[in-house]
PDB file of N, CA and C in Angstrom:
ATOM      1  N   MET A   1       0.845  -1.242   0.082  1.00  0.00           N
ATOM      2  CA  MET A   1      -0.063  -0.018  -0.063  1.00  0.00           C
ATOM      3  C   MET A   1       0.840   1.275  -0.043  1.00  0.00           C
ATOM      4  N   LYS A   2       2.158   1.013   0.248  1.00  0.00           N
ATOM      5  CA  LYS A   2       3.030   2.272   0.180  1.00  0.00           C
ATOM      6  C   LYS A   2       2.870   2.892  -1.095  1.00  0.00           C
ATOM      7  N   ASN A   3       2.541   2.330  -2.247  1.00  0.00           N
ATOM      8  CA  ASN A   3       2.451   2.885  -3.456  1.00  0.00           C
ATOM      9  C   ASN A   3       1.171   3.660  -3.680  1.00  0.00           C
ATOM     10  N   GLY A   4       0.266   3.601  -2.695  1.00  0.00           N
ATOM     11  CA  GLY A   4      -0.999   4.396  -2.889  1.00  0.00           C
ATOM     12  C   GLY A   4      -2.174   3.599  -3.403  1.00  0.00           C
ATOM     13  N   GLN A   5      -2.051   2.266  -3.548  1.00  0.00           N
ATOM     14  CA  GLN A   5      -3.056   1.519  -4.016  1.00  0.00           C
ATOM     15  C   GLN A   5      -3.218   0.213  -3.180  1.00  0.00           C
ATOM     16  N   CYS A   6      -4.467  -0.183  -2.752  1.00  0.00           N
ATOM     17  CA  CYS A   6      -4.848  -1.265  -1.968  1.00  0.00           C
ATOM     18  C   CYS A   6      -4.448  -2.638  -2.842  1.00  0.00           C
ATOM     19  N   PRO A   7      -3.686  -3.577  -2.299  1.00  0.00           N
ATOM     20  CA  PRO A   7      -3.557  -4.872  -3.072  1.00  0.00           C
ATOM     21  C   PRO A   7      -4.721  -5.686  -2.965  1.00  0.00           C
ATOM     22  N   LYS A   8      -5.610  -5.406  -2.031  1.00  0.00           N
ATOM     23  CA  LYS A   8      -6.861  -6.359  -1.793  1.00  0.00           C
ATOM     24  C   LYS A   8      -7.977  -5.862  -2.788  1.00  0.00           C
ATOM     25  N   CYS A   9      -8.370  -4.490  -2.750  1.00  0.00           N
ATOM     26  CA  CYS A   9      -9.428  -4.191  -3.445  1.00  0.00           C
ATOM     27  C   CYS A   9      -9.237  -3.168  -4.734  1.00  0.00           C
ATOM     28  N   GLY A  10      -8.019  -2.807  -4.810  1.00  0.00           N
ATOM     29  CA  GLY A  10      -7.501  -1.877  -5.819  1.00  0.00           C
ATOM     30  C   GLY A  10      -7.871  -0.374  -5.655  1.00  0.00           C
ATOM     31  N   SER A  11      -8.458  -0.046  -4.527  1.00  0.00           N
ATOM     32  CA  SER A  11      -8.729   1.313  -4.153  1.00  0.00           C
ATOM     33  C   SER A  11      -7.537   2.200  -4.049  1.00  0.00           C
ATOM     34  N   LYS A  12      -7.720   3.370  -4.286  1.00  0.00           N
ATOM     35  CA  LYS A  12      -6.500   4.411  -4.118  1.00  0.00           C
ATOM     36  C   LYS A  12      -6.772   5.314  -2.962  1.00  0.00           C
ATOM     37  N   GLU A  13      -7.787   4.877  -2.146  1.00  0.00           N
ATOM     38  CA  GLU A  13      -8.068   5.719  -0.916  1.00  0.00           C
ATOM     39  C   GLU A  13      -7.309   5.241   0.332  1.00  0.00           C
ATOM     40  N   ILE A  14      -6.007   5.472   0.171  1.00  0.00           N
ATOM     41  CA  ILE A  14      -4.920   4.975   1.182  1.00  0.00           C
ATOM     42  C   ILE A  14      -4.539   6.017   2.003  1.00  0.00           C
ATOM     43  N   TYR A  15      -4.404   5.804   3.344  1.00  0.00           N
ATOM     44  CA  TYR A  15      -4.065   6.806   4.331  1.00  0.00           C
ATOM     45  C   TYR A  15      -2.936   6.210   5.072  1.00  0.00           C
ATOM     46  N   SER A  16      -2.029   7.067   5.468  1.00  0.00           N
ATOM     47  CA  SER A  16      -0.768   6.735   6.158  1.00  0.00           C
ATOM     48  C   SER A  16      -0.700   7.382   7.449  1.00  0.00           C
ATOM     49  N   GLY A  17      -0.166   6.602   8.497  1.00  0.00           N
ATOM     50  CA  GLY A  17       0.092   7.211   9.718  1.00  0.00           C
ATOM     51  C   GLY A  17       1.652   7.271   9.922  1.00  0.00           C
ATOM     52  N   ALA A  18       2.368   7.318   8.941  1.00  0.00           N
ATOM     53  CA  ALA A  18       3.876   7.330   9.040  1.00  0.00           C
ATOM     54  C   ALA A  18       4.439   8.553   9.761  1.00  0.00           C
ATOM     55  N   ASP A  19       3.671   9.642   9.716  1.00  0.00           N
ATOM     56  CA  ASP A  19       4.152  10.910  10.256  1.00  0.00           C
ATOM     57  C   ASP A  19       3.496  11.164  11.685  1.00  0.00           C
ATOM     58  N   ILE A  20       2.917  10.185  12.309  1.00  0.00           N
ATOM     59  CA  ILE A  20       2.424  10.397  13.594  1.00  0.00           C
ATOM     60  C   ILE A  20       3.571  10.412  14.575  1.00  0.00           C
ATOM     61  N   PRO A  21       3.625  11.540  15.390  1.00  0.00           N
ATOM     62  CA  PRO A  21       4.713  11.658  16.399  1.00  0.00           C
ATOM     63  C   PRO A  21       4.556  10.715  17.530  1.00  0.00           C
ATOM     64  N   LEU A  22       5.654  10.366  18.192  1.00  0.00           N
ATOM     65  CA  LEU A  22       5.704   9.556  19.434  1.00  0.00           C
ATOM     66  C   LEU A  22       5.096   8.150  19.279  1.00  0.00           C
ATOM     67  N   LYS A  23       5.187   7.587  18.034  1.00  0.00           N
ATOM     68  CA  LYS A  23       4.565   6.305  17.756  1.00  0.00           C
ATOM     69  C   LYS A  23       5.241   5.066  18.546  1.00  0.00           C
ATOM     70  N   SER A  24       6.462   5.304  19.072  1.00  0.00           N
ATOM     71  CA  SER A  24       7.078   4.199  19.765  1.00  0.00           C
ATOM     72  C   SER A  24       7.524   4.607  21.170  1.00  0.00           C
ATOM     73  N   GLY A  25       6.865   5.572  21.655  1.00  0.00           N
ATOM     74  CA  GLY A  25       7.141   5.918  22.988  1.00  0.00           C
ATOM     75  C   GLY A  25       6.762   4.962  23.996  1.00  0.00           C
ATOM     76  N   PRO A  26       6.923   5.098  25.306  1.00  0.00           N
ATOM     77  CA  PRO A  26       6.698   4.130  26.356  1.00  0.00           C
ATOM     78  C   PRO A  26       5.224   3.763  26.461  1.00  0.00           C
ATOM     79  N   PHE A  27       4.296   4.519  25.975  1.00  0.00           N
ATOM     80  CA  PHE A  27       2.839   4.252  26.149  1.00  0.00           C
ATOM     81  C   PHE A  27       2.186   4.024  24.754  1.00  0.00           C
ATOM     82  N   SER A  28       3.122   3.777  23.835  1.00  0.00           N
ATOM     83  CA  SER A  28       2.570   3.522  22.391  1.00  0.00           C
ATOM     84  C   SER A  28       1.994   2.155  22.100  1.00  0.00           C
ATOM     85  N   SER A  29       1.016   2.174  21.308  1.00  0.00           N
ATOM     86  CA  SER A  29       0.594   0.884  20.853  1.00  0.00           C
ATOM     87  C   SER A  29       0.940   0.677  19.332  1.00  0.00           C
ATOM     88  N   ASN A  30       1.678   1.659  18.919  1.00  0.00           N
ATOM     89  CA  ASN A  30       2.009   1.583  17.311  1.00  0.00           C
ATOM     90  C   ASN A  30       3.404   1.053  17.211  1.00  0.00           C
ATOM     91  N   ALA A  31       3.710  -0.022  17.943  1.00  0.00           N
ATOM     92  CA  ALA A  31       5.078  -0.518  17.910  1.00  0.00           C
ATOM     93  C   ALA A  31       4.918  -2.056  18.178  1.00  0.00           C
ATOM     94  N   ILE A  32       5.943  -2.807  17.778  1.00  0.00           N
ATOM     95  CA  ILE A  32       5.921  -4.199  18.203  1.00  0.00           C
ATOM     96  C   ILE A  32       7.255  -4.450  18.989  1.00  0.00           C
ATOM     97  N   PRO A  33       7.161  -5.385  19.933  1.00  0.00           N
ATOM     98  CA  PRO A  33       8.330  -5.781  20.639  1.00  0.00           C
ATOM     99  C   PRO A  33       9.306  -6.593  19.832  1.00  0.00           C
ATOM    100  N   ILE A  34      10.640  -6.306  19.919  1.00  0.00           N
ATOM    101  CA  ILE A  34      11.599  -7.088  19.190  1.00  0.00           C
ATOM    102  C   ILE A  34      12.236  -8.106  20.167  1.00  0.00           C
ATOM    103  N   GLY A  35      12.624  -7.422  21.354  1.00  0.00           N
ATOM    104  CA  GLY A  35      13.216  -8.184  22.392  1.00  0.00           C
ATOM    105  C   GLY A  35      12.853  -7.575  23.743  1.00  0.00           C
ATOM    106  N   LEU A  36      13.501  -8.012  24.839  1.00  0.00           N
ATOM    107  CA  LEU A  36      13.087  -7.457  26.194  1.00  0.00           C
ATOM    108  C   LEU A  36      13.110  -6.031  26.336  1.00  0.00           C
ATOM    109  N   MET A  37      14.188  -5.395  25.705  1.00  0.00           N
ATOM    110  CA  MET A  37      14.409  -3.929  25.829  1.00  0.00           C
ATOM    111  C   MET A  37      14.373  -3.217  24.496  1.00  0.00           C
ATOM    112  N   SER A  38      13.818  -3.775  23.547  1.00  0.00           N
ATOM    113  CA  SER A  38      13.720  -3.131  22.217  1.00  0.00           C
ATOM    114  C   SER A  38      12.369  -3.336  21.525  1.00  0.00           C
ATOM    115  N   VAL A  39      11.910  -2.135  20.955  1.00  0.00           N
ATOM    116  CA  VAL A  39      10.682  -2.186  20.283  1.00  0.00           C
ATOM    117  C   VAL A  39      10.958  -1.486  18.898  1.00  0.00           C
ATOM    118  N   ALA A  40      10.064  -1.767  17.945  1.00  0.00           N
ATOM    119  CA  ALA A  40      10.091  -1.117  16.669  1.00  0.00           C
ATOM    120  C   ALA A  40       8.914  -0.445  16.380  1.00  0.00           C
ATOM    121  N   ALA A  41       9.075   0.905  16.015  1.00  0.00           N
ATOM    122  CA  ALA A  41       7.856   1.708  15.707  1.00  0.00           C
ATOM    123  C   ALA A  41       7.283   1.315  14.299  1.00  0.00           C
ATOM    124  N   LEU A  42       5.970   1.327  14.159  1.00  0.00           N
ATOM    125  CA  LEU A  42       5.347   0.873  12.861  1.00  0.00           C
ATOM    126  C   LEU A  42       4.778   2.040  12.186  1.00  0.00           C
ATOM    127  N   ASP A  43       4.896   2.084  10.830  1.00  0.00           N
ATOM    128  CA  ASP A  43       4.222   2.929   9.943  1.00  0.00           C
ATOM    129  C   ASP A  43       3.042   2.082   9.470  1.00  0.00           C
ATOM    130  N   ASN A  44       1.759   2.699   9.651  1.00  0.00           N
ATOM    131  CA  ASN A  44       0.575   1.930   9.180  1.00  0.00           C
ATOM    132  C   ASN A  44       0.018   2.668   7.944  1.00  0.00           C
ATOM    133  N   TYR A  45      -0.552   1.794   7.104  1.00  0.00           N
ATOM    134  CA  TYR A  45      -1.289   2.230   5.953  1.00  0.00           C
ATOM    135  C   TYR A  45      -2.750   1.498   5.987  1.00  0.00           C
ATOM    136  N   VAL A  46      -3.693   2.373   5.693  1.00  0.00           N
ATOM    137  CA  VAL A  46      -5.135   1.827   5.747  1.00  0.00           C
ATOM    138  C   VAL A  46      -5.840   2.209   4.586  1.00  0.00           C
ATOM    139  N   CYS A  47      -6.559   1.217   4.004  1.00  0.00           N
ATOM    140  CA  CYS A  47      -7.392   1.423   2.935  1.00  0.00           C
ATOM    141  C   CYS A  47      -8.730   1.863   3.458  1.00  0.00           C
ATOM    142  N   ALA A  48      -9.296   3.086   3.119  1.00  0.00           N
ATOM    143  CA  ALA A  48     -10.484   3.516   3.513  1.00  0.00           C
ATOM    144  C   ALA A  48     -11.790   2.872   2.823  1.00  0.00           C
ATOM    145  N   ALA A  49     -11.429   2.127   1.746  1.00  0.00           N
ATOM    146  CA  ALA A  49     -12.521   1.389   1.024  1.00  0.00           C
ATOM    147  C   ALA A  49     -12.764   0.063   1.662  1.00  0.00           C
ATOM    148  N   CYS A  50     -11.874  -0.809   1.962  1.00  0.00           N
ATOM    149  CA  CYS A  50     -12.068  -2.148   2.439  1.00  0.00           C
ATOM    150  C   CYS A  50     -11.578  -2.402   3.952  1.00  0.00           C
ATOM    151  N   GLY A  51     -10.706  -1.390   4.432  1.00  0.00           N
ATOM    152  CA  GLY A  51     -10.258  -1.686   5.724  1.00  0.00           C
ATOM    153  C   GLY A  51      -9.013  -2.306   5.951  1.00  0.00           C
ATOM    154  N   LEU A  52      -8.368  -2.807   4.834  1.00  0.00           N
ATOM    155  CA  LEU A  52      -7.060  -3.476   5.037  1.00  0.00           C
ATOM    156  C   LEU A  52      -6.105  -2.453   5.562  1.00  0.00           C
ATOM    157  N   VAL A  53      -5.322  -3.181   6.487  1.00  0.00           N
ATOM    158  CA  VAL A  53      -4.168  -2.377   7.134  1.00  0.00           C
ATOM    159  C   VAL A  53      -2.957  -3.144   6.935  1.00  0.00           C
ATOM    160  N   GLU A  54      -1.887  -2.437   6.564  1.00  0.00           N
ATOM    161  CA  GLU A  54      -0.510  -2.890   6.419  1.00  0.00           C
ATOM    162  C   GLU A  54       0.412  -2.152   7.322  1.00  0.00           C
ATOM    163  N   SER A  55       1.266  -2.874   8.047  1.00  0.00           N
ATOM    164  CA  SER A  55       2.275  -2.244   8.932  1.00  0.00           C
ATOM    165  C   SER A  55       3.685  -2.473   8.425  1.00  0.00           C
ATOM    166  N   TYR A  56       4.555  -1.455   8.500  1.00  0.00           N
ATOM    167  CA  TYR A  56       5.907  -1.666   8.104  1.00  0.00           C
ATOM    168  C   TYR A  56       6.810  -1.018   9.278  1.00  0.00           C
ATOM    169  N   ILE A  57       7.988  -1.690   9.554  1.00  0.00           N
ATOM    170  CA  ILE A  57       8.846  -1.124  10.539  1.00  0.00           C
ATOM    171  C   ILE A  57       9.373   0.145  10.017  1.00  0.00           C
ATOM    172  N   ALA A  58       9.321   1.252  10.907  1.00  0.00           N
ATOM    173  CA  ALA A  58       9.728   2.532  10.418  1.00  0.00           C
ATOM    174  C   ALA A  58      11.139   2.736  10.345  1.00  0.00           C
ATOM    175  N   ASP A  59      11.919   2.169  11.161  1.00  0.00           N
ATOM    176  CA  ASP A  59      13.384   2.251  11.200  1.00  0.00           C
ATOM    177  C   ASP A  59      14.081   1.032  10.571  1.00  0.00           C
ATOM    178  N   PRO A  60      14.656   1.205   9.396  1.00  0.00           N
ATOM    179  CA  PRO A  60      15.244   0.057   8.744  1.00  0.00           C
ATOM    180  C   PRO A  60      16.248  -0.666   9.630  1.00  0.00           C
ATOM    181  N   SER A  61      16.978   0.005  10.487  1.00  0.00           N
ATOM    182  CA  SER A  61      17.986  -0.607  11.367  1.00  0.00           C
ATOM    183  C   SER A  61      17.480  -1.701  12.277  1.00  0.00           C
ATOM    184  N   LYS A  62      16.139  -1.610  12.543  1.00  0.00           N
ATOM    185  CA  LYS A  62      15.429  -2.598  13.446  1.00  0.00           C
ATOM    186  C   LYS A  62      15.180  -3.863  12.728  1.00  0.00           C
ATOM    187  N   LEU A  63      15.215  -3.934  11.427  1.00  0.00           N
ATOM    188  CA  LEU A  63      14.985  -5.139  10.521  1.00  0.00           C
ATOM    189  C   LEU A  63      16.087  -6.143  10.870  1.00  0.00           C
ATOM    190  N   GLU A  64      17.336  -5.622  10.928  1.00  0.00           N
ATOM    191  CA  GLU A  64      18.479  -6.682  11.333  1.00  0.00           C
ATOM    192  C   GLU A  64      18.282  -7.099  12.719  1.00  0.00           C
ATOM    193  N   GLU A  65      17.816  -6.458  13.620  1.00  0.00           N
ATOM    194  CA  GLU A  65      17.606  -6.907  14.846  1.00  0.00           C
ATOM    195  C   GLU A  65      16.420  -7.978  15.011  1.00  0.00           C
ATOM    196  N   VAL A  66      15.360  -7.702  14.228  1.00  0.00           N
ATOM    197  CA  VAL A  66      14.314  -8.753  14.087  1.00  0.00           C
ATOM    198  C   VAL A  66      14.922 -10.179  13.448  1.00  0.00           C
ATOM    199  N   THR A  67      15.776  -9.981  12.522  1.00  0.00           N
ATOM    200  CA  THR A  67      16.311 -11.252  11.882  1.00  0.00           C
ATOM    201  C   THR A  67      17.192 -12.029  12.771  1.00  0.00           C
ATOM    202  N   ARG A  68      17.771 -11.397  13.891  1.00  0.00           N
ATOM    203  CA  ARG A  68      18.623 -12.020  14.915  1.00  0.00           C
ATOM    204  C   ARG A  68      17.736 -12.444  15.964  1.00  0.00           C
ATOM    205  N   ARG A  69      16.727 -11.801  16.408  1.00  0.00           N
ATOM    206  CA  ARG A  69      15.923 -12.276  17.484  1.00  0.00           C
ATOM    207  C   ARG A  69      14.679 -13.111  17.287  1.00  0.00           C
ATOM    208  N   TRP A  70      14.066 -12.968  16.262  1.00  0.00           N
ATOM    209  CA  TRP A  70      12.805 -13.700  15.933  1.00  0.00           C
ATOM    210  C   TRP A  70      13.074 -14.937  15.029  1.00  0.00           C
ATOM    211  N   ASN A  71      12.101 -15.833  15.150  1.00  0.00           N
ATOM    212  CA  ASN A  71      12.150 -17.166  14.321  1.00  0.00           C
ATOM    213  C   ASN A  71      11.761 -16.817  12.988  1.00  0.00           C
ATOM    214  N   LYS A  72      12.515 -17.438  11.895  1.00  0.00           N
ATOM    215  CA  LYS A  72      12.170 -17.392  10.648  1.00  0.00           C
ATOM    216  C   LYS A  72      10.976 -18.358  10.316  1.00  0.00           C
ATOM    217  N   VAL A  73      10.041 -17.827   9.466  1.00  0.00           N
ATOM    218  CA  VAL A  73       8.963 -18.759   9.138  1.00  0.00           C
ATOM    219  C   VAL A  73       9.309 -19.459   7.812  1.00  0.00           C
ATOM    220  N   ASP A  74       9.084 -20.815   7.905  1.00  0.00           N
ATOM    221  CA  ASP A  74       9.405 -21.669   6.844  1.00  0.00           C
ATOM    222  C   ASP A  74       8.166 -21.482   5.722  1.00  0.00           C
ATOM    223  N   PRO A  75       8.556 -21.316   4.443  1.00  0.00           N
ATOM    224  CA  PRO A  75       7.445 -21.173   3.542  1.00  0.00           C
ATOM    225  C   PRO A  75       6.513 -22.311   3.602  1.00  0.00           C
ATOM    226  N   GLY A  76       6.861 -23.510   4.089  1.00  0.00           N
ATOM    227  CA  GLY A  76       5.954 -24.514   4.244  1.00  0.00           C
ATOM    228  C   GLY A  76       5.039 -24.403   5.391  1.00  0.00           C
ATOM    229  N   GLY A  77       5.018 -23.401   6.221  1.00  0.00           N
ATOM    230  CA  GLY A  77       4.082 -23.183   7.238  1.00  0.00           C
ATOM    231  C   GLY A  77       4.694 -23.245   8.576  1.00  0.00           C
ATOM    232  N   GLY A  78       5.910 -23.648   8.741  1.00  0.00           N
ATOM    233  CA  GLY A  78       6.463 -23.859  10.193  1.00  0.00           C
ATOM    234  C   GLY A  78       7.501 -22.815  10.406  1.00  0.00           C
ATOM    235  N   LYS A  79       8.049 -22.980  11.629  1.00  0.00           N
ATOM    236  CA  LYS A  79       9.174 -22.193  11.968  1.00  0.00           C
ATOM    237  C   LYS A  79      10.518 -22.785  11.807  1.00  0.00           C
ATOM    238  N   LYS A  80      11.621 -21.864  11.555  1.00  0.00           N
ATOM    239  CA  LYS A  80      12.917 -22.491  11.242  1.00  0.00           C
ATOM    240  C   LYS A  80      13.782 -22.068  12.386  1.00  0.00           C
TER     241      LYS A  80
END
């Protein structure tokens, strides 16, 4: 949806919360835990036509931390 079009319904009524301030503060719900002391802020995109929501990690440096701490999903459906 980052390109402005919904992959589910094709609508171009896409809205982004990428510029919301304090999205990863101590009381934020717009972040995911990576580890015990680490969270990653999310940029959310919402389709106003069908309600689909996509979330992306806002800080690219957090992606490397995810690959170190989280389990990789096997394309066959299991964890690796």
